Amino acid sequence: MKKVDIEKIVEILDNYYPMHVMEDTYTGQPYKALVSCLLSLRTRDEITFPVAEKLFQAADNPCKMINLSYEELCEKIKSINYYKTKAENIQTISRILLEKYNGEVPSTMEELLAFRGVGRKTANIVLSVGFQKPAIAVDTHVHRISNRLGLVSTKTPEETEFALREILPKKYWRKWNQIMVLHGKNTCKPITPLCKTCPIIEYCNQVFS
């Protein structure tokens, strides 16, 4: 087994890839981080980001969002997958935020998970990006690469999240999702990983020929 040097991996990938545009844009903005995450489920970021930006020009807070008719919201986000369900969830959550939280997004995992359509990955991104709290958002890229590296041996993203909590220094919790997503999209791909050009190959325990 190769030694998996977490600090070196973070340092290398942090310099190798540009800043993730969506996470950088919505840092410190919990509502936008939440809505953009809801929009991004099962939709590529390249599609989600322009749609989210266009939507926020018309409605960037819960009050404005519920003032849009359901039909208007659907029209604005119809280019993303499952737009009807997402429009319903966004308006329902926005209404709850106004009625129960004075228009503010709650900052605890338990409260976020109570919203329809919000899973652990979305909740962790809202905490990490929106509130800048230590949180590990695990999607397919984070799950796949963390296992390939040999950091964890898990079967589900949720198992990976809790395993990473035990071994990742807290200072890297927020960054791990960002760099793993970029690495997964560009190099450590699901089917044909580009191991020959991988900048962290010396720390990986599953190299493909």
Protein backbone atom coordinates (compact mmCIF):
# COMPACT_ATOMS: atom_id res chain seq x y z
CA MET A 1 0.00 0.00 0.00
CA LYS A 2 1.25 3.46 -0.91
CA LYS A 3 1.11 6.13 1.75
CA VAL A 4 -1.80 8.45 1.03
CA ASP A 5 -0.46 11.87 2.01
CA ILE A 6 -3.55 14.00 2.51
CA GLU A 7 -1.68 17.27 2.88
CA LYS A 8 0.30 16.74 -0.32
CA ILE A 9 -2.83 15.69 -2.24
CA VAL A 10 -4.66 18.84 -1.18
CA GLU A 11 -1.65 21.03 -1.96
CA ILE A 12 -1.13 19.52 -5.41
CA LEU A 13 -4.77 19.52 -6.52
CA ASP A 14 -5.45 22.95 -5.07
CA ASN A 15 -2.78 24.35 -7.37
CA TYR A 16 -3.51 22.06 -10.30
CA TYR A 17 -7.16 23.04 -10.84
CA PRO A 18 -8.83 26.47 -10.97
CA MET A 19 -11.32 27.50 -8.28
CA HIS A 20 -14.71 25.84 -8.60
CA VAL A 21 -16.85 28.69 -9.97
CA MET A 22 -20.16 27.76 -8.32
CA GLU A 23 -18.76 27.25 -4.83
CA ASP A 24 -16.66 30.40 -5.07
CA THR A 25 -19.63 32.46 -6.25
CA TYR A 26 -22.01 31.43 -3.46
CA THR A 27 -19.58 31.42 -0.55
CA GLY A 28 -21.26 33.07 2.42
CA GLN A 29 -24.68 33.08 0.70
CA PRO A 30 -26.69 30.20 2.22
CA TYR A 31 -29.89 30.72 0.26
CA LYS A 32 -28.16 30.82 -3.12
CA ALA A 33 -26.01 27.84 -2.14
CA LEU A 34 -29.14 25.89 -1.16
CA VAL A 35 -31.13 26.72 -4.29
CA SER A 36 -28.19 26.10 -6.61
CA CYS A 37 -27.65 22.69 -4.99
CA LEU A 38 -31.30 21.80 -5.44
CA LEU A 39 -31.06 22.77 -9.09
CA SER A 40 -27.84 20.81 -9.61
CA LEU A 41 -29.14 17.41 -8.55
CA ARG A 42 -28.72 15.03 -11.51
CA THR A 43 -27.70 17.98 -13.70
CA ARG A 44 -24.18 18.99 -14.75
CA ASP A 45 -22.71 22.14 -13.23
CA GLU A 46 -22.10 23.60 -16.68
CA ILE A 47 -25.86 23.61 -17.20
CA THR A 48 -26.87 24.43 -13.64
CA PHE A 49 -24.73 27.52 -13.09
CA PRO A 50 -26.12 29.68 -15.94
CA VAL A 51 -29.68 28.66 -15.00
CA ALA A 52 -29.09 29.52 -11.34
CA GLU A 53 -27.58 32.89 -12.21
CA LYS A 54 -30.51 33.74 -14.46
CA LEU A 55 -32.97 32.70 -11.75
CA PHE A 56 -31.22 34.78 -9.08
CA GLN A 57 -31.52 37.87 -11.24
CA ALA A 58 -35.28 37.57 -10.76
CA ALA A 59 -35.42 35.97 -7.31
CA ASP A 60 -32.42 35.91 -4.98
CA ASN A 61 -34.27 35.50 -1.69
CA PRO A 62 -37.23 33.45 -0.37
CA CYS A 63 -39.71 36.33 -0.59
CA LYS A 64 -39.00 37.00 -4.26
CA MET A 65 -38.97 33.27 -4.99
CA ILE A 66 -42.50 32.64 -3.73
CA ASN A 67 -43.72 35.74 -5.51
CA LEU A 68 -42.88 33.99 -8.76
CA SER A 69 -45.71 31.80 -9.97
CA TYR A 70 -44.95 28.11 -10.23
CA GLU A 71 -45.26 28.43 -14.00
CA GLU A 72 -42.79 31.34 -14.09
CA LEU A 73 -40.26 29.41 -12.03
CA CYS A 74 -40.63 26.34 -14.23
CA GLU A 75 -40.05 28.45 -17.30
CA LYS A 76 -36.82 29.87 -15.86
CA ILE A 77 -35.32 26.49 -14.95
CA LYS A 78 -36.84 24.22 -17.61
CA SER A 79 -33.46 23.44 -19.20
CA ILE A 80 -32.37 21.37 -16.18
CA ASN A 81 -33.46 17.83 -15.31
CA TYR A 82 -36.60 17.30 -13.20
CA TYR A 83 -37.34 21.02 -13.29
CA LYS A 84 -40.99 20.66 -12.23
CA THR A 85 -40.15 18.77 -9.04
CA LYS A 86 -37.26 21.12 -8.30
CA ALA A 87 -39.46 24.20 -8.79
CA GLU A 88 -41.98 22.79 -6.34
CA ASN A 89 -39.30 21.96 -3.76
CA ILE A 90 -37.64 25.38 -4.07
CA GLN A 91 -40.91 27.23 -3.55
CA THR A 92 -41.99 24.98 -0.68
CA ILE A 93 -38.66 25.45 1.10
CA SER A 94 -38.72 29.21 0.47
CA ARG A 95 -42.18 29.40 2.03
CA ILE A 96 -41.03 27.42 5.08
CA LEU A 97 -38.00 29.70 5.46
CA LEU A 98 -40.30 32.73 5.59
CA GLU A 99 -42.85 31.15 7.92
CA LYS A 100 -40.50 29.38 10.31
CA TYR A 101 -37.05 30.94 10.00
CA ASN A 102 -37.72 34.62 9.29
CA GLY A 103 -36.45 34.14 5.75
CA GLU A 104 -33.06 32.79 6.83
CA VAL A 105 -31.59 29.39 5.96
CA PRO A 106 -31.00 27.31 9.12
CA SER A 107 -27.41 26.38 9.83
CA THR A 108 -27.72 22.87 11.28
CA MET A 109 -27.65 19.53 9.51
CA GLU A 110 -30.84 18.36 11.23
CA GLU A 111 -32.87 21.37 10.14
CA LEU A 112 -31.59 21.26 6.57
CA LEU A 113 -32.34 17.56 6.20
CA ALA A 114 -35.95 18.23 7.21
CA PHE A 115 -36.52 20.05 3.90
CA ARG A 116 -37.95 18.04 1.03
CA GLY A 117 -35.32 17.33 -1.60
CA VAL A 118 -32.36 18.03 0.70
CA GLY A 119 -30.01 15.11 1.35
CA ARG A 120 -26.71 14.95 3.20
CA LYS A 121 -24.66 16.11 0.22
CA THR A 122 -26.78 19.22 -0.30
CA ALA A 123 -26.91 19.96 3.43
CA ASN A 124 -23.13 19.65 3.72
CA ILE A 125 -22.57 21.98 0.76
CA VAL A 126 -24.90 24.57 2.29
CA LEU A 127 -23.01 24.34 5.58
CA SER A 128 -19.61 24.36 3.89
CA VAL A 129 -20.18 26.96 1.18
CA GLY A 130 -23.08 29.01 2.48
CA PHE A 131 -22.05 29.15 6.13
CA GLN A 132 -18.34 28.34 5.71
CA LYS A 133 -18.57 25.69 8.42
CA PRO A 134 -16.47 22.50 8.46
CA ALA A 135 -18.48 19.93 6.50
CA ILE A 136 -17.69 17.13 4.04
CA ALA A 137 -20.02 16.96 1.06
CA VAL A 138 -19.73 13.56 -0.59
CA ASP A 139 -20.92 13.03 -4.16
CA THR A 140 -19.97 10.28 -6.61
CA HIS A 141 -16.57 11.89 -7.32
CA VAL A 142 -15.60 12.22 -3.66
CA HIS A 143 -16.81 8.68 -2.95
CA ARG A 144 -15.03 7.13 -5.95
CA ILE A 145 -11.69 8.91 -5.60
CA SER A 146 -11.43 8.56 -1.82
CA ASN A 147 -11.82 4.79 -2.32
CA ARG A 148 -9.41 4.65 -5.25
CA LEU A 149 -6.77 6.49 -3.28
CA GLY A 150 -7.18 3.98 -0.46
CA LEU A 151 -8.22 6.55 2.11
CA VAL A 152 -11.47 4.68 2.78
CA SER A 153 -13.06 1.36 1.93
CA THR A 154 -16.76 2.10 1.75
CA LYS A 155 -19.79 1.15 -0.32
CA THR A 156 -21.94 4.30 -0.16
CA PRO A 157 -21.36 8.08 -0.17
CA GLU A 158 -22.84 8.32 3.33
CA GLU A 159 -20.37 5.72 4.63
CA THR A 160 -17.60 7.67 2.91
CA GLU A 161 -18.64 10.92 4.59
CA PHE A 162 -18.43 9.42 8.06
CA ALA A 163 -15.18 7.59 7.29
CA LEU A 164 -13.57 10.79 6.00
CA ARG A 165 -14.63 12.62 9.15
CA GLU A 166 -12.36 10.25 11.07
CA ILE A 167 -9.23 10.69 8.94
CA LEU A 168 -9.34 14.10 7.24
CA PRO A 169 -8.00 17.03 9.26
CA LYS A 170 -10.91 19.39 9.85
CA LYS A 171 -9.14 22.20 7.99
CA TYR A 172 -9.60 20.19 4.78
CA TRP A 173 -13.26 19.24 5.21
CA ARG A 174 -14.61 22.14 3.14
CA LYS A 175 -11.95 21.87 0.43
CA TRP A 176 -12.09 18.08 -0.08
CA ASN A 177 -15.33 18.15 -2.07
CA GLN A 178 -14.11 20.99 -4.25
CA ILE A 179 -10.84 19.40 -5.29
CA MET A 180 -12.23 15.87 -5.64
CA VAL A 181 -15.06 17.05 -7.92
CA LEU A 182 -12.58 18.86 -10.15
CA HIS A 183 -10.22 15.89 -10.15
CA GLY A 184 -13.07 13.47 -10.90
CA LYS A 185 -14.36 15.48 -13.83
CA ASN A 186 -10.98 16.15 -15.39
CA THR A 187 -8.69 13.25 -14.55
CA CYS A 188 -9.95 10.48 -12.25
CA LYS A 189 -13.00 9.74 -14.38
CA PRO A 190 -15.42 6.88 -13.59
CA ILE A 191 -14.79 4.70 -16.65
CA THR A 192 -11.47 5.77 -18.16
CA PRO A 193 -9.33 7.51 -15.52
CA LEU A 194 -6.34 9.36 -16.96
CA CYS A 195 -3.77 7.82 -14.67
CA LYS A 196 -0.81 8.66 -16.93
CA THR A 197 -1.41 12.38 -16.46
CA CYS A 198 -2.68 12.26 -12.88
CA PRO A 199 -0.78 14.73 -10.65
CA ILE A 200 -1.33 12.61 -7.52
CA ILE A 201 -0.65 9.16 -8.98
CA GLU A 202 2.17 8.53 -6.51
CA TYR A 203 -0.36 8.57 -3.67
CA CYS A 204 -2.99 6.37 -5.36
CA ASN A 205 -3.55 2.70 -4.55
CA GLN A 206 -5.69 1.87 -7.58
CA VAL A 207 -3.83 2.68 -10.78
CA PHE A 208 -5.42 1.78 -14.11
CA SER A 209 -3.30 0.83 -17.12
